Protein backbone atom coordinates (compact mmCIF):
# COMPACT_ATOMS: atom_id res chain seq x y z
CA MET A 1 140.37 108.33 93.86
CA TYR A 2 144.12 108.36 93.13
CA LEU A 3 145.12 104.71 93.38
CA MET A 4 148.87 105.32 93.43
CA GLU A 5 149.02 107.29 96.67
CA SER A 6 151.98 106.37 98.88
CA LYS A 7 154.74 107.92 100.98
CA GLY A 8 157.15 107.87 98.04
CA GLU A 9 154.73 109.01 95.34
CA SER A 10 155.96 112.59 94.96
CA GLN A 11 159.53 111.42 94.45
CA ARG A 12 158.38 108.76 92.00
CA LEU A 13 156.48 111.36 89.97
CA LEU A 14 159.45 113.73 89.84
CA GLU A 15 161.83 110.96 88.78
CA GLN A 16 159.35 109.82 86.14
CA GLU A 17 159.04 113.34 84.73
CA GLN A 18 162.82 113.76 84.62
CA SER A 19 163.33 110.43 82.86
CA GLN A 20 161.26 111.37 79.81
CA ASP A 21 161.98 113.85 77.02
CA THR A 22 159.03 116.04 77.92
CA ARG A 23 160.73 119.13 76.48
CA ALA A 24 160.59 117.64 72.98
CA VAL A 25 156.94 116.62 73.43
CA LEU A 26 155.95 120.11 74.59
CA HIS A 27 157.74 121.71 71.65
CA GLY A 28 156.28 119.17 69.26
CA THR A 29 152.73 119.88 70.40
CA GLY A 30 152.98 123.63 69.99
CA LEU A 31 154.04 125.13 73.32
CA LYS A 32 155.81 128.43 72.61
CA PRO A 33 157.27 131.48 74.40
CA GLY A 34 154.66 133.84 75.78
CA ASP A 35 151.91 131.24 76.10
CA ARG A 36 149.43 131.15 78.97
CA VAL A 37 149.53 127.51 80.06
CA LEU A 38 147.57 125.15 82.31
CA ASP A 39 149.11 121.94 83.67
CA ALA A 40 146.00 119.99 84.74
CA GLY A 41 146.99 117.39 87.33
CA CYS A 42 150.45 118.83 87.87
CA GLY A 43 151.50 116.63 90.81
CA PRO A 44 154.65 118.01 92.48
CA GLY A 45 155.16 120.43 89.60
CA GLY A 46 158.12 119.09 87.63
CA ILE A 47 156.56 119.58 84.20
CA ALA A 48 155.05 122.93 85.15
CA GLU A 49 158.56 124.11 86.04
CA LEU A 50 159.78 123.07 82.59
CA MET A 51 156.82 124.83 80.99
CA ALA A 52 157.65 128.02 82.88
CA GLU A 53 161.17 127.87 81.47
CA LEU A 54 159.87 127.35 77.93
CA VAL A 55 157.23 130.09 77.92
CA GLY A 56 159.60 132.57 79.58
CA GLU A 57 158.70 135.52 81.75
CA GLY A 58 156.38 136.80 79.02
CA GLY A 59 154.18 133.76 79.55
CA HIS A 60 152.43 132.29 82.54
CA VAL A 61 151.90 128.74 83.85
CA THR A 62 149.18 127.56 86.24
CA GLY A 63 149.41 124.11 87.76
CA VAL A 64 146.37 122.51 89.39
CA ASP A 65 146.15 119.27 91.35
CA VAL A 66 143.57 117.80 93.70
CA HIS A 67 146.24 116.75 96.24
CA ALA A 68 146.97 119.55 98.73
CA GLY A 69 150.34 118.12 99.71
CA ARG A 70 151.61 118.08 96.11
CA ILE A 71 150.50 121.67 95.61
CA ALA A 72 152.33 122.73 98.77
CA GLU A 73 155.53 120.99 97.56
CA ALA A 74 155.30 122.65 94.15
CA GLN A 75 154.67 126.09 95.66
CA ALA A 76 157.60 125.75 98.05
CA ARG A 77 159.99 124.88 95.22
CA ASN A 78 158.84 127.68 92.93
CA ARG A 79 158.44 130.77 95.07
CA HIS A 80 161.17 132.42 92.96
CA ARG A 81 159.13 132.02 89.74
CA PRO A 82 156.48 134.76 89.65
CA HIS A 83 155.07 133.52 86.33
CA LEU A 84 154.32 130.07 87.79
CA GLU A 85 151.46 129.45 90.24
CA PHE A 86 149.86 126.36 91.75
CA LEU A 87 146.25 125.92 92.84
CA GLN A 88 144.42 123.04 94.49
CA ALA A 89 141.58 122.02 92.18
CA ASP A 90 139.98 119.03 90.47
CA VAL A 91 140.77 118.86 86.74
CA ARG A 92 137.09 118.03 86.12
CA ALA A 93 135.95 121.31 87.66
CA CYS A 94 138.94 123.59 88.12
CA GLY A 95 136.99 126.84 88.51
CA LEU A 96 139.34 128.81 86.25
CA PRO A 97 138.00 131.38 83.77
CA THR A 98 136.64 130.21 80.43
CA GLY A 99 138.98 130.67 77.47
CA SER A 100 141.94 131.80 79.56
CA PHE A 101 144.74 129.51 78.27
CA ASP A 102 146.63 129.15 75.00
CA TYR A 103 147.89 125.66 75.79
CA VAL A 104 146.34 123.12 78.18
CA TRP A 105 148.25 119.97 79.15
CA SER A 106 147.38 116.92 81.24
CA GLN A 107 149.66 113.90 81.72
CA TYR A 108 148.95 110.54 83.38
CA VAL A 109 145.66 111.77 84.83
CA PHE A 110 142.95 110.48 82.48
CA GLU A 111 143.84 106.85 83.24
CA TYR A 112 142.34 107.39 86.70
CA LEU A 113 139.13 109.08 85.52
CA PRO A 114 136.11 106.91 84.65
CA ASP A 115 134.42 110.20 83.68
CA ARG A 116 137.27 111.37 81.45
CA GLN A 117 134.88 113.10 79.03
CA VAL A 118 133.92 115.47 81.85
CA ALA A 119 137.60 116.30 82.37
CA LEU A 120 138.16 116.81 78.64
CA ALA A 121 135.18 119.14 78.44
CA GLU A 122 136.64 121.19 81.29
CA LEU A 123 140.04 121.41 79.60
CA ILE A 124 138.36 122.58 76.41
CA ARG A 125 136.30 125.13 78.32
CA VAL A 126 139.34 126.88 79.78
CA THR A 127 141.18 126.89 76.43
CA ARG A 128 140.79 129.95 74.21
CA PRO A 129 139.46 129.54 70.65
CA GLY A 130 142.46 128.58 68.54
CA GLY A 131 144.27 127.25 71.60
CA ARG A 132 145.62 123.75 72.01
CA VAL A 133 144.53 120.87 74.28
CA VAL A 134 147.12 118.11 74.86
CA VAL A 135 146.57 114.91 76.87
CA SER A 136 149.43 112.46 77.43
CA ASP A 137 148.67 109.02 78.84
CA ILE A 138 149.66 105.38 79.00
CA ASP A 139 148.52 102.52 76.79
CA GLY A 140 149.09 98.94 77.95
CA LEU A 141 151.73 99.66 80.58
CA GLY A 142 153.33 96.48 81.91
CA PHE A 143 152.47 94.11 79.04
CA GLN A 144 155.25 94.83 76.50
CA ASN A 145 157.84 92.35 77.72
CA TRP A 146 159.73 89.47 76.13
CA PRO A 147 160.20 86.87 77.43
CA PHE A 148 156.90 87.21 79.35
CA PRO A 149 155.95 83.92 81.03
CA GLU A 150 152.25 83.16 80.72
CA HIS A 151 151.67 82.84 84.47
CA LEU A 152 153.28 86.26 84.96
CA ARG A 153 151.12 87.77 82.22
CA GLN A 154 148.01 86.30 83.85
CA GLY A 155 148.99 87.68 87.23
CA THR A 156 149.53 91.12 85.73
CA GLN A 157 146.09 90.89 84.13
CA ARG A 158 144.61 90.17 87.57
CA ILE A 159 146.06 93.44 88.84
CA VAL A 160 144.62 95.30 85.85
CA GLU A 161 141.16 93.84 86.43
CA ALA A 162 141.29 94.83 90.11
CA LEU A 163 142.20 98.38 89.10
CA GLU A 164 139.49 98.46 86.45
CA SER A 165 136.94 97.76 89.18
CA ARG A 166 138.06 101.06 90.75
CA GLY A 167 137.73 103.05 87.50
CA PHE A 168 141.31 102.77 86.22
CA ASP A 169 141.86 102.38 82.46
CA LEU A 170 145.19 100.87 81.37
CA TYR A 171 144.34 101.49 77.71
CA VAL A 172 143.07 105.06 77.89
CA GLY A 173 145.79 106.37 75.57
CA ARG A 174 144.28 104.78 72.45
CA LYS A 175 140.80 106.11 73.28
CA LEU A 176 141.66 109.81 73.39
CA TYR A 177 141.79 110.38 69.62
CA SER A 178 138.08 109.48 69.35
CA ASP A 179 137.30 111.48 72.50
CA PHE A 180 138.97 114.57 71.04
CA ARG A 181 137.13 114.25 67.73
CA ARG A 182 133.75 113.73 69.38
CA ALA A 183 134.36 116.72 71.64
CA GLY A 184 134.73 118.95 68.57
CA LEU A 185 138.47 119.56 68.61
CA THR A 186 140.08 119.97 65.20
CA GLN A 187 143.46 119.05 63.68
CA VAL A 188 143.64 116.12 66.11
CA ARG A 189 147.01 114.35 66.04
CA VAL A 190 148.55 111.53 68.07
CA HIS A 191 152.24 111.12 68.94
CA LEU A 192 153.67 107.82 70.18
CA VAL A 193 156.59 108.37 72.57
CA PRO A 194 158.52 106.02 74.87
CA PHE A 195 157.38 105.72 78.46
CA TYR A 196 160.44 103.58 79.05
CA MET A 197 162.70 101.30 77.05
CA ALA A 198 164.79 98.61 78.76
CA PRO A 199 166.79 96.32 76.48
CA GLY A 200 168.51 94.16 79.04
CA ALA A 201 168.40 94.86 82.76
CA ALA A 202 166.19 97.80 83.70
CA GLU A 203 167.87 100.76 85.35
CA ALA A 204 167.52 101.32 89.08
CA ARG A 205 165.08 104.23 88.62
CA LEU A 206 162.64 102.06 86.68
CA LEU A 207 162.84 99.28 89.26
CA ARG A 208 162.12 101.83 92.03
CA ASP A 209 159.19 103.14 90.02
CA TRP A 210 157.62 99.68 89.77
CA GLU A 211 158.34 98.87 93.42
CA THR A 212 156.55 102.04 94.49
CA ARG A 213 153.63 101.21 92.20
CA PHE A 214 153.30 97.69 93.58
CA ASP A 215 153.45 98.87 97.20
CA ALA A 216 150.79 101.54 96.60
CA LEU A 217 148.46 99.17 94.76
CA ALA A 218 148.65 96.34 97.30
CA PRO A 219 145.36 97.18 99.10
CA VAL A 220 143.47 97.02 95.80
CA ALA A 221 145.39 94.28 93.97
CA ALA A 222 146.38 91.78 96.67
CA PRO A 223 142.85 90.34 97.11
CA ALA A 224 142.96 89.22 93.46
CA PHE A 225 145.78 86.85 94.44
CA GLY A 226 144.08 85.48 97.54
CA ASP A 227 146.46 87.09 100.03
CA LEU A 228 149.25 89.64 100.35
CA ALA A 229 152.05 87.04 100.26
CA ALA A 230 150.92 85.71 96.87
CA TYR A 231 150.64 89.25 95.50
CA GLN A 232 154.13 90.13 96.75
CA ALA A 233 155.53 86.96 95.19
CA HIS A 234 154.07 88.02 91.82
CA CYS A 235 155.55 91.51 92.21
CA GLN A 236 159.00 90.14 93.01
CA GLU A 237 158.89 87.89 89.96
CA PHE A 238 157.83 90.83 87.78
CA LEU A 239 160.75 92.89 89.13
CA SER A 240 163.11 90.00 88.43
CA MET A 241 161.84 89.96 84.85
CA LEU A 242 162.59 93.69 84.55
CA ALA A 243 166.11 93.06 85.86
CA ASP A 244 166.77 90.19 83.44
CA PRO A 245 169.72 91.14 81.18
CA GLU A 246 168.40 88.84 78.43
CA GLY A 247 164.94 90.42 78.06
CA LEU A 248 163.33 93.45 76.40
CA LYS A 249 160.86 95.56 78.34
CA TYR A 250 159.21 98.72 77.04
CA ALA A 251 156.10 100.86 77.40
CA VAL A 252 154.57 103.66 75.37
CA THR A 253 152.77 106.92 75.98
CA LEU A 254 150.23 108.29 73.50
CA VAL A 255 150.08 112.08 73.33
CA THR A 256 146.89 113.43 71.75
CA GLU A 257 146.55 117.08 70.73
CA GLY A 258 143.77 119.13 69.19
CA ILE A 259 142.75 122.71 68.49
CA LYS A 260 139.68 124.37 69.98
CA PRO A 261 137.63 125.90 67.15
């Protein structure tokens, strides 16, 4: 189940994609012109569009996502790109041919998958021998803040524990290196890249991102605070911390890549 579903989620995802230097990450993990590419869990398609630009018309990009509405949005925006297609499918069983991609990418998906090894096995299956599997995900989002009052840290931990009960893993990023090695991938490397960096008051986009997160997570997280009002009070205090011009707030993404033998 995708815990972040909300009315504003597609816009949040697009803004998030545009705020990060994904182009550099794709180049740094081996994406090149002419590649056949899979974006597994593509959402509204922002990164797949960038991939299509980078591989050129000699390459091809397939985006898959379980959410029909996101696929429809991505298709509508990209009808003019014949080398970019979008399909509704689960990343754990996408139904695509074995060994059909040179480069397989998945970002901010594995955090939601308690059976992430099943998803990794599927990504490896559809990758050709010698091709590259790349998974980009969070590690400790929401806890790298200073000052970070203890009561606010404890409240944030309550949210994390509520999400964990639904299969969410806030620390999945650090676990993927071992997963890749155990799955038989070779030349496994990990890149640490900023998810966001806010010395001083956070920008409006980041505040919107967190507001959308908090609204979407309310049904799962609010019971951990006793009632919705207490949960909303915590969220407002967290947002005030992000807006504090005297504080530092940051988060990281860990990008793990490996080669299929």
